[in-house]
């Protein structure tokens, strides 16, 4: 009888310990909660630099123009989008080669420029108009092309 009673006590203690462990495990691994977080996106983007490149020695009045390629320099930590490259103006030397005689149609790029930069995929065409004036001063002239982007 004492053995049976002892055995019953041991079984009861083991059951209580097992139940306590199960409840403790449930309490440890089960949870509920909520939370939130907020951040502010970068507020400014540094301007990029678009560098045009062309062979001026093949440009003459009335021709179809010369191809202009573009390279973008991006100092931002992320990609920036170049939608269009737009002709701004040219500076000529000698100045008697009239800057007003030069033009370039807007070039649509729609291109993401990664940090550091790279070549833009589409070229423009720089044109020297054939006017009624003598344009001999444009022979061997230095031509600097300025563009903008959006």
N, C-alpha and C. Protein backbone atom coordinates (compact mmCIF):
# COMPACT_ATOMS: atom_id res chain seq x y z
N UNK A 1 0.81 -1.16 0.00
CA UNK A 1 0.00 0.00 0.00
C UNK A 1 0.87 1.25 0.00
N UNK A 2 1.93 1.25 0.77
CA UNK A 2 2.82 2.39 0.81
C UNK A 2 3.46 2.57 -0.56
N UNK A 3 3.80 1.47 -1.18
CA UNK A 3 4.37 1.56 -2.52
C UNK A 3 3.38 2.15 -3.50
N UNK A 4 2.17 1.79 -3.46
CA UNK A 4 1.15 2.30 -4.34
C UNK A 4 0.95 3.78 -4.09
N UNK A 5 0.96 4.16 -2.81
CA UNK A 5 0.79 5.56 -2.47
C UNK A 5 1.98 6.36 -2.97
N UNK A 6 3.21 5.83 -2.80
CA UNK A 6 4.41 6.48 -3.27
C UNK A 6 4.38 6.63 -4.79
N UNK A 7 3.96 5.57 -5.41
CA UNK A 7 3.88 5.59 -6.86
C UNK A 7 2.88 6.63 -7.33
N UNK A 8 1.76 6.76 -6.67
CA UNK A 8 0.74 7.74 -7.03
C UNK A 8 1.28 9.15 -6.84
N UNK A 9 2.05 9.37 -5.76
CA UNK A 9 2.64 10.69 -5.52
C UNK A 9 3.65 11.02 -6.61
N UNK A 10 4.49 10.06 -6.97
CA UNK A 10 5.50 10.28 -8.02
C UNK A 10 4.81 10.59 -9.34
N UNK A 11 3.79 9.84 -9.69
CA UNK A 11 3.06 10.07 -10.93
C UNK A 11 2.43 11.46 -10.91
N UNK A 12 1.88 11.85 -9.77
CA UNK A 12 1.25 13.17 -9.65
C UNK A 12 2.29 14.27 -9.79
N UNK A 13 3.45 14.13 -9.16
CA UNK A 13 4.52 15.13 -9.25
C UNK A 13 5.00 15.23 -10.69
N UNK A 14 5.23 14.13 -11.37
CA UNK A 14 5.67 14.14 -12.78
C UNK A 14 4.62 14.81 -13.64
N UNK A 15 3.35 14.55 -13.41
CA UNK A 15 2.27 15.15 -14.18
C UNK A 15 2.25 16.66 -13.97
N UNK A 16 2.42 17.09 -12.71
CA UNK A 16 2.44 18.53 -12.40
C UNK A 16 3.64 19.19 -13.08
N UNK A 17 4.82 18.57 -13.03
CA UNK A 17 6.02 19.12 -13.68
C UNK A 17 5.82 19.19 -15.19
N UNK A 18 5.25 18.15 -15.78
CA UNK A 18 5.01 18.13 -17.23
C UNK A 18 4.02 19.23 -17.61
N UNK A 19 2.97 19.39 -16.80
CA UNK A 19 1.97 20.42 -17.07
C UNK A 19 2.60 21.81 -16.95
N UNK A 20 3.42 22.01 -15.93
CA UNK A 20 4.09 23.30 -15.74
C UNK A 20 5.03 23.59 -16.92
N UNK A 21 5.74 22.60 -17.39
CA UNK A 21 6.64 22.77 -18.53
C UNK A 21 5.85 23.12 -19.79
N UNK A 22 4.72 22.48 -19.99
CA UNK A 22 3.89 22.75 -21.16
C UNK A 22 3.35 24.17 -21.11
N UNK A 23 2.87 24.60 -19.96
CA UNK A 23 2.34 25.96 -19.81
C UNK A 23 3.47 26.97 -19.99
N UNK A 24 4.63 26.70 -19.42
CA UNK A 24 5.79 27.59 -19.56
C UNK A 24 6.24 27.68 -21.02
N UNK A 25 6.24 26.56 -21.71
CA UNK A 25 6.61 26.56 -23.13
C UNK A 25 5.62 27.35 -23.96
N UNK A 26 4.36 27.22 -23.68
CA UNK A 26 3.34 27.96 -24.41
C UNK A 26 3.52 29.45 -24.16
N UNK A 27 3.75 29.79 -22.91
CA UNK A 27 3.91 31.21 -22.57
C UNK A 27 5.17 31.77 -23.21
N UNK A 28 6.22 31.01 -23.30
CA UNK A 28 7.47 31.48 -23.87
C UNK A 28 7.38 31.67 -25.38
N UNK A 29 6.73 30.77 -26.11
CA UNK A 29 6.73 30.79 -27.57
C UNK A 29 5.53 31.50 -28.19
N UNK A 30 4.49 31.77 -27.47
CA UNK A 30 3.30 32.39 -28.03
C UNK A 30 3.27 33.85 -27.63
N UNK A 31 2.99 34.69 -28.59
CA UNK A 31 2.95 36.12 -28.28
C UNK A 31 2.04 36.85 -29.26
N UNK A 32 1.69 38.04 -28.92
CA UNK A 32 0.99 38.93 -29.82
C UNK A 32 1.69 40.28 -29.73
N UNK A 33 1.40 41.18 -30.64
CA UNK A 33 2.01 42.50 -30.56
C UNK A 33 1.69 43.31 -31.79
N UNK A 34 2.18 44.51 -31.79
CA UNK A 34 2.02 45.39 -32.93
C UNK A 34 3.19 46.37 -32.93
N UNK A 35 3.35 47.11 -34.02
CA UNK A 35 4.43 48.07 -34.09
C UNK A 35 4.34 48.87 -35.36
N UNK A 36 5.17 49.85 -35.47
CA UNK A 36 5.23 50.66 -36.69
C UNK A 36 6.61 51.26 -36.79
N UNK A 37 6.90 51.79 -37.99
CA UNK A 37 8.18 52.42 -38.22
C UNK A 37 7.98 53.54 -39.22
N UNK A 38 8.81 54.53 -39.18
CA UNK A 38 8.72 55.63 -40.12
C UNK A 38 10.11 56.01 -40.58
N UNK A 39 10.20 56.48 -41.82
CA UNK A 39 11.47 56.94 -42.38
C UNK A 39 11.18 58.08 -43.33
N UNK A 40 12.19 58.85 -43.61
CA UNK A 40 12.05 59.95 -44.55
C UNK A 40 12.97 59.67 -45.73
N UNK A 41 12.41 59.72 -46.93
CA UNK A 41 13.22 59.50 -48.13
C UNK A 41 14.16 60.69 -48.32
N UNK A 42 15.21 60.46 -49.09
CA UNK A 42 16.16 61.53 -49.38
C UNK A 42 15.42 62.73 -49.95
N UNK A 43 15.74 63.90 -49.45
CA UNK A 43 15.01 65.10 -49.85
C UNK A 43 15.58 65.81 -51.06
N UNK A 44 16.82 65.56 -51.37
CA UNK A 44 17.43 66.26 -52.50
C UNK A 44 18.19 65.29 -53.38
N UNK A 45 18.29 65.66 -54.62
CA UNK A 45 19.08 64.91 -55.58
C UNK A 45 20.05 65.88 -56.24
N UNK A 46 21.30 65.53 -56.25
CA UNK A 46 22.30 66.39 -56.89
C UNK A 46 22.11 66.34 -58.40
N UNK A 47 22.38 67.45 -59.04
CA UNK A 47 22.29 67.51 -60.49
C UNK A 47 23.33 66.59 -61.11
N UNK A 48 22.99 66.04 -62.25
CA UNK A 48 23.95 65.22 -62.99
C UNK A 48 24.60 66.09 -64.06
N UNK A 49 25.71 65.63 -64.59
CA UNK A 49 26.41 66.35 -65.66
C UNK A 49 26.28 65.53 -66.94
N UNK A 50 25.80 66.18 -68.00
CA UNK A 50 25.70 65.53 -69.31
C UNK A 50 26.83 66.10 -70.17
N UNK A 51 27.68 65.23 -70.68
CA UNK A 51 28.79 65.66 -71.52
C UNK A 51 28.55 65.18 -72.95
N UNK A 52 28.37 66.13 -73.89
CA UNK A 52 28.20 65.75 -75.29
C UNK A 52 29.56 65.53 -75.95
N UNK A 53 29.57 64.69 -76.95
CA UNK A 53 30.80 64.42 -77.70
C UNK A 53 30.46 64.28 -79.18
N UNK A 54 31.23 65.00 -80.03
CA UNK A 54 30.99 64.94 -81.47
C UNK A 54 32.27 65.31 -82.21
N UNK A 55 32.32 64.96 -83.48
CA UNK A 55 33.47 65.27 -84.34
C UNK A 55 33.14 66.52 -85.16
N UNK A 56 33.60 67.68 -84.70
CA UNK A 56 33.26 68.95 -85.36
C UNK A 56 33.88 69.07 -86.75
N UNK A 57 34.96 68.36 -87.00
CA UNK A 57 35.63 68.50 -88.30
C UNK A 57 34.82 67.91 -89.45
N UNK A 58 33.72 67.25 -89.17
CA UNK A 58 32.87 66.72 -90.23
C UNK A 58 31.60 67.55 -90.41
N UNK A 59 31.52 68.67 -89.70
CA UNK A 59 30.33 69.52 -89.73
C UNK A 59 30.53 70.64 -90.75
N UNK A 60 29.57 70.79 -91.63
CA UNK A 60 29.62 71.90 -92.60
C UNK A 60 28.20 72.37 -92.88
N UNK A 61 28.08 73.63 -93.38
CA UNK A 61 26.75 74.21 -93.59
C UNK A 61 25.88 73.38 -94.54
N UNK A 62 24.64 73.19 -94.13
CA UNK A 62 23.67 72.51 -94.96
C UNK A 62 23.73 71.00 -94.92
N UNK A 63 24.71 70.42 -94.23
CA UNK A 63 24.81 68.96 -94.14
C UNK A 63 23.72 68.44 -93.20
N UNK A 64 23.55 67.13 -93.20
CA UNK A 64 22.54 66.53 -92.33
C UNK A 64 22.96 66.59 -90.87
N UNK A 65 24.18 67.00 -90.59
CA UNK A 65 24.65 67.13 -89.22
C UNK A 65 25.61 66.04 -88.83
N UNK A 66 26.09 66.14 -87.60
CA UNK A 66 27.02 65.14 -87.08
C UNK A 66 26.40 64.50 -85.84
N UNK A 67 26.63 63.20 -85.64
CA UNK A 67 26.09 62.53 -84.45
C UNK A 67 26.75 63.08 -83.17
N UNK A 68 25.93 63.23 -82.15
CA UNK A 68 26.39 63.67 -80.84
C UNK A 68 26.03 62.59 -79.83
N UNK A 69 27.03 62.04 -79.17
CA UNK A 69 26.77 61.05 -78.11
C UNK A 69 26.84 61.77 -76.77
N UNK A 70 26.24 61.16 -75.75
CA UNK A 70 26.16 61.79 -74.44
C UNK A 70 26.61 60.83 -73.36
N UNK A 71 27.37 61.37 -72.40
CA UNK A 71 27.77 60.62 -71.22
C UNK A 71 27.26 61.38 -70.01
N UNK A 72 26.67 60.65 -69.06
CA UNK A 72 26.14 61.27 -67.85
C UNK A 72 27.02 60.91 -66.66
N UNK A 73 27.28 61.89 -65.80
CA UNK A 73 28.00 61.67 -64.55
C UNK A 73 27.00 61.88 -63.42
N UNK A 74 26.83 60.83 -62.60
CA UNK A 74 25.86 60.84 -61.52
C UNK A 74 26.58 60.70 -60.19
N UNK A 75 26.57 61.76 -59.37
CA UNK A 75 27.22 61.72 -58.06
C UNK A 75 26.26 61.32 -56.94
N UNK A 76 25.04 60.99 -57.27
CA UNK A 76 24.04 60.58 -56.28
C UNK A 76 24.29 59.14 -55.84
N UNK A 77 23.80 58.76 -54.65
CA UNK A 77 24.00 57.38 -54.19
C UNK A 77 23.07 56.38 -54.88
N UNK A 78 22.08 56.87 -55.62
CA UNK A 78 21.15 55.97 -56.31
C UNK A 78 20.98 56.40 -57.76
N UNK A 79 20.21 55.61 -58.50
CA UNK A 79 19.94 55.91 -59.91
C UNK A 79 19.17 57.22 -60.04
N UNK A 80 19.39 57.91 -61.15
CA UNK A 80 18.58 59.07 -61.52
C UNK A 80 18.09 58.85 -62.95
N UNK A 81 16.97 59.46 -63.27
CA UNK A 81 16.37 59.28 -64.59
C UNK A 81 16.65 60.49 -65.47
N UNK A 82 17.13 60.24 -66.68
CA UNK A 82 17.28 61.29 -67.69
C UNK A 82 16.17 61.07 -68.70
N UNK A 83 15.26 62.02 -68.76
CA UNK A 83 14.14 61.92 -69.69
C UNK A 83 14.56 62.42 -71.08
N UNK A 84 15.10 63.64 -71.14
CA UNK A 84 15.49 64.21 -72.43
C UNK A 84 16.80 64.96 -72.29
N UNK A 85 17.53 65.04 -73.39
CA UNK A 85 18.70 65.91 -73.51
C UNK A 85 18.28 67.02 -74.46
N UNK A 86 18.44 68.27 -73.99
CA UNK A 86 17.93 69.42 -74.74
C UNK A 86 19.08 70.35 -75.11
N UNK A 87 19.13 70.78 -76.37
CA UNK A 87 20.11 71.74 -76.85
C UNK A 87 19.93 73.04 -76.07
N UNK A 88 21.04 73.58 -75.55
CA UNK A 88 20.98 74.86 -74.85
C UNK A 88 21.62 75.95 -75.73
N UNK A 89 22.91 75.79 -76.03
CA UNK A 89 23.58 76.75 -76.91
C UNK A 89 24.96 76.21 -77.27
N UNK A 90 25.62 76.89 -78.19
CA UNK A 90 27.01 76.60 -78.51
C UNK A 90 27.82 77.88 -78.30
N UNK A 91 29.09 77.67 -78.03
CA UNK A 91 30.05 78.77 -78.00
C UNK A 91 31.07 78.44 -79.07
N UNK A 92 31.35 79.42 -79.92
CA UNK A 92 32.27 79.20 -81.03
C UNK A 92 33.49 80.08 -80.89
N UNK A 93 34.58 79.61 -81.40
CA UNK A 93 35.82 80.40 -81.47
C UNK A 93 36.43 80.13 -82.83
N UNK A 94 36.44 81.13 -83.70
CA UNK A 94 36.18 82.54 -83.44
C UNK A 94 34.68 82.82 -83.33
N UNK A 95 34.34 83.90 -82.62
CA UNK A 95 32.94 84.24 -82.39
C UNK A 95 32.25 84.71 -83.67
N UNK A 96 33.02 84.99 -84.72
CA UNK A 96 32.41 85.36 -86.00
C UNK A 96 31.72 84.16 -86.65
N UNK A 97 32.01 82.97 -86.19
CA UNK A 97 31.23 81.78 -86.57
C UNK A 97 30.00 81.83 -85.66
N UNK A 98 28.88 82.18 -86.23
CA UNK A 98 27.69 82.52 -85.45
C UNK A 98 27.08 81.31 -84.74
N UNK A 99 26.99 81.42 -83.41
CA UNK A 99 26.41 80.35 -82.60
C UNK A 99 24.95 80.11 -82.96
N UNK A 100 24.27 81.14 -83.40
CA UNK A 100 22.85 81.02 -83.75
C UNK A 100 22.62 80.11 -84.95
N UNK A 101 23.65 79.80 -85.70
CA UNK A 101 23.51 78.93 -86.88
C UNK A 101 23.49 77.44 -86.51
N UNK A 102 23.71 77.12 -85.26
CA UNK A 102 23.77 75.72 -84.82
C UNK A 102 22.47 75.33 -84.12
N UNK A 103 22.09 74.08 -84.30
CA UNK A 103 20.88 73.57 -83.63
C UNK A 103 21.00 72.06 -83.43
N UNK A 104 20.17 71.56 -82.53
CA UNK A 104 20.07 70.12 -82.30
C UNK A 104 18.67 69.85 -81.76
N UNK A 105 17.99 68.90 -82.35
CA UNK A 105 16.66 68.51 -81.87
C UNK A 105 16.79 67.85 -80.49
N UNK A 106 15.75 67.97 -79.69
CA UNK A 106 15.70 67.34 -78.37
C UNK A 106 15.80 65.82 -78.54
N UNK A 107 16.59 65.20 -77.67
CA UNK A 107 16.81 63.75 -77.73
C UNK A 107 16.12 63.10 -76.53
N UNK A 108 15.19 62.19 -76.78
CA UNK A 108 14.52 61.47 -75.70
C UNK A 108 15.37 60.26 -75.30
N UNK A 109 15.70 60.20 -74.04
CA UNK A 109 16.52 59.11 -73.51
C UNK A 109 15.69 58.14 -72.66
N UNK A 110 14.91 58.67 -71.69
CA UNK A 110 14.18 57.83 -70.74
C UNK A 110 15.07 56.71 -70.22
N UNK A 111 16.18 57.12 -69.62
CA UNK A 111 17.23 56.18 -69.21
C UNK A 111 17.62 56.41 -67.76
N UNK A 112 17.74 55.31 -67.00
CA UNK A 112 18.22 55.37 -65.62
C UNK A 112 19.75 55.40 -65.64
N UNK A 113 20.29 56.39 -64.95
CA UNK A 113 21.74 56.52 -64.87
C UNK A 113 22.18 56.05 -63.48
N UNK A 114 23.00 55.01 -63.39
CA UNK A 114 23.42 54.49 -62.09
C UNK A 114 24.43 55.43 -61.42
N UNK A 115 24.67 55.22 -60.12
CA UNK A 115 25.70 56.02 -59.46
C UNK A 115 27.02 55.90 -60.22
N UNK A 116 27.68 57.02 -60.40
CA UNK A 116 28.92 57.04 -61.18
C UNK A 116 28.66 57.50 -62.59
N UNK A 117 27.58 57.01 -63.19
CA UNK A 117 27.20 57.46 -64.53
C UNK A 117 27.46 56.44 -65.61
N UNK A 118 27.40 56.93 -66.84
CA UNK A 118 27.62 56.07 -68.00
C UNK A 118 27.07 56.71 -69.26
N UNK A 119 27.23 56.01 -70.36
CA UNK A 119 26.76 56.51 -71.66
C UNK A 119 25.24 56.45 -71.74
N UNK A 120 24.66 57.47 -72.36
CA UNK A 120 23.22 57.46 -72.62
C UNK A 120 22.99 56.73 -73.95
N UNK A 121 21.87 56.04 -74.10
CA UNK A 121 21.69 55.15 -75.25
C UNK A 121 21.42 55.84 -76.59
N UNK A 122 20.90 57.06 -76.57
CA UNK A 122 20.50 57.69 -77.83
C UNK A 122 21.37 58.89 -78.18
N UNK A 123 21.61 59.06 -79.46
CA UNK A 123 22.43 60.17 -79.95
C UNK A 123 21.57 61.30 -80.47
N UNK A 124 22.15 62.49 -80.47
CA UNK A 124 21.54 63.64 -81.11
C UNK A 124 22.25 63.91 -82.42
N UNK A 125 21.81 64.97 -83.11
CA UNK A 125 22.46 65.39 -84.35
C UNK A 125 22.64 66.90 -84.30
N UNK A 126 23.90 67.34 -84.31
CA UNK A 126 24.20 68.77 -84.33
C UNK A 126 24.25 69.23 -85.77
N UNK A 127 23.52 70.31 -86.08
CA UNK A 127 23.39 70.80 -87.45
C UNK A 127 23.92 72.23 -87.52
N UNK A 128 24.64 72.53 -88.60
CA UNK A 128 25.07 73.89 -88.92
C UNK A 128 24.24 74.34 -90.11
N UNK A 129 23.37 75.33 -89.88
CA UNK A 129 22.47 75.80 -90.94
C UNK A 129 23.26 76.45 -92.07
N UNK A 130 22.76 76.30 -93.28
CA UNK A 130 23.34 76.96 -94.45
C UNK A 130 22.58 78.27 -94.64
N UNK A 131 23.22 79.37 -94.29
CA UNK A 131 22.57 80.67 -94.36
C UNK A 131 23.06 81.44 -95.59
N UNK A 132 22.46 82.60 -95.84
CA UNK A 132 22.86 83.44 -96.97
C UNK A 132 24.17 84.17 -96.69
N UNK A 133 24.64 84.13 -95.44
CA UNK A 133 25.88 84.80 -95.07
C UNK A 133 27.08 83.91 -95.33
N UNK A 134 28.24 84.53 -95.49
CA UNK A 134 29.49 83.79 -95.65
C UNK A 134 29.82 83.12 -94.31
N UNK A 135 30.00 81.81 -94.32
CA UNK A 135 30.27 81.06 -93.09
C UNK A 135 31.69 80.50 -93.06
N UNK A 136 32.58 81.12 -93.84
CA UNK A 136 33.96 80.64 -93.89
C UNK A 136 34.65 80.68 -92.52
N UNK A 137 34.20 81.57 -91.64
CA UNK A 137 34.83 81.65 -90.32
C UNK A 137 34.54 80.41 -89.47
N UNK A 138 33.61 79.59 -89.91
CA UNK A 138 33.31 78.35 -89.16
C UNK A 138 34.25 77.21 -89.55
N UNK A 139 35.04 77.42 -90.61
CA UNK A 139 36.01 76.39 -90.99
C UNK A 139 37.04 76.26 -89.87
N UNK A 140 37.24 75.09 -89.38
CA UNK A 140 38.20 74.79 -88.30
C UNK A 140 37.89 75.53 -87.00
N UNK A 141 36.66 75.98 -86.83
CA UNK A 141 36.28 76.67 -85.59
C UNK A 141 36.20 75.67 -84.44
N UNK A 142 36.45 76.17 -83.24
CA UNK A 142 36.22 75.38 -82.03
C UNK A 142 34.77 75.58 -81.63
N UNK A 143 34.06 74.48 -81.44
CA UNK A 143 32.63 74.54 -81.11
C UNK A 143 32.43 73.78 -79.81
N UNK A 144 31.87 74.48 -78.84
CA UNK A 144 31.54 73.86 -77.54
C UNK A 144 30.02 73.81 -77.44
N UNK A 145 29.49 72.61 -77.29
CA UNK A 145 28.04 72.38 -77.23
C UNK A 145 27.61 72.27 -75.77
N UNK A 146 26.57 73.01 -75.41
CA UNK A 146 25.98 72.94 -74.07
C UNK A 146 24.58 72.38 -74.16
N UNK A 147 24.29 71.43 -73.28
CA UNK A 147 22.97 70.79 -73.24
C UNK A 147 22.44 70.82 -71.81
N UNK A 148 21.14 70.61 -71.68
CA UNK A 148 20.50 70.44 -70.38
C UNK A 148 19.73 69.12 -70.42
N UNK A 149 19.23 68.70 -69.28
CA UNK A 149 18.44 67.47 -69.25
C UNK A 149 17.26 67.66 -68.31
N UNK A 150 16.24 66.84 -68.50
CA UNK A 150 15.08 66.84 -67.60
C UNK A 150 14.59 65.43 -67.43
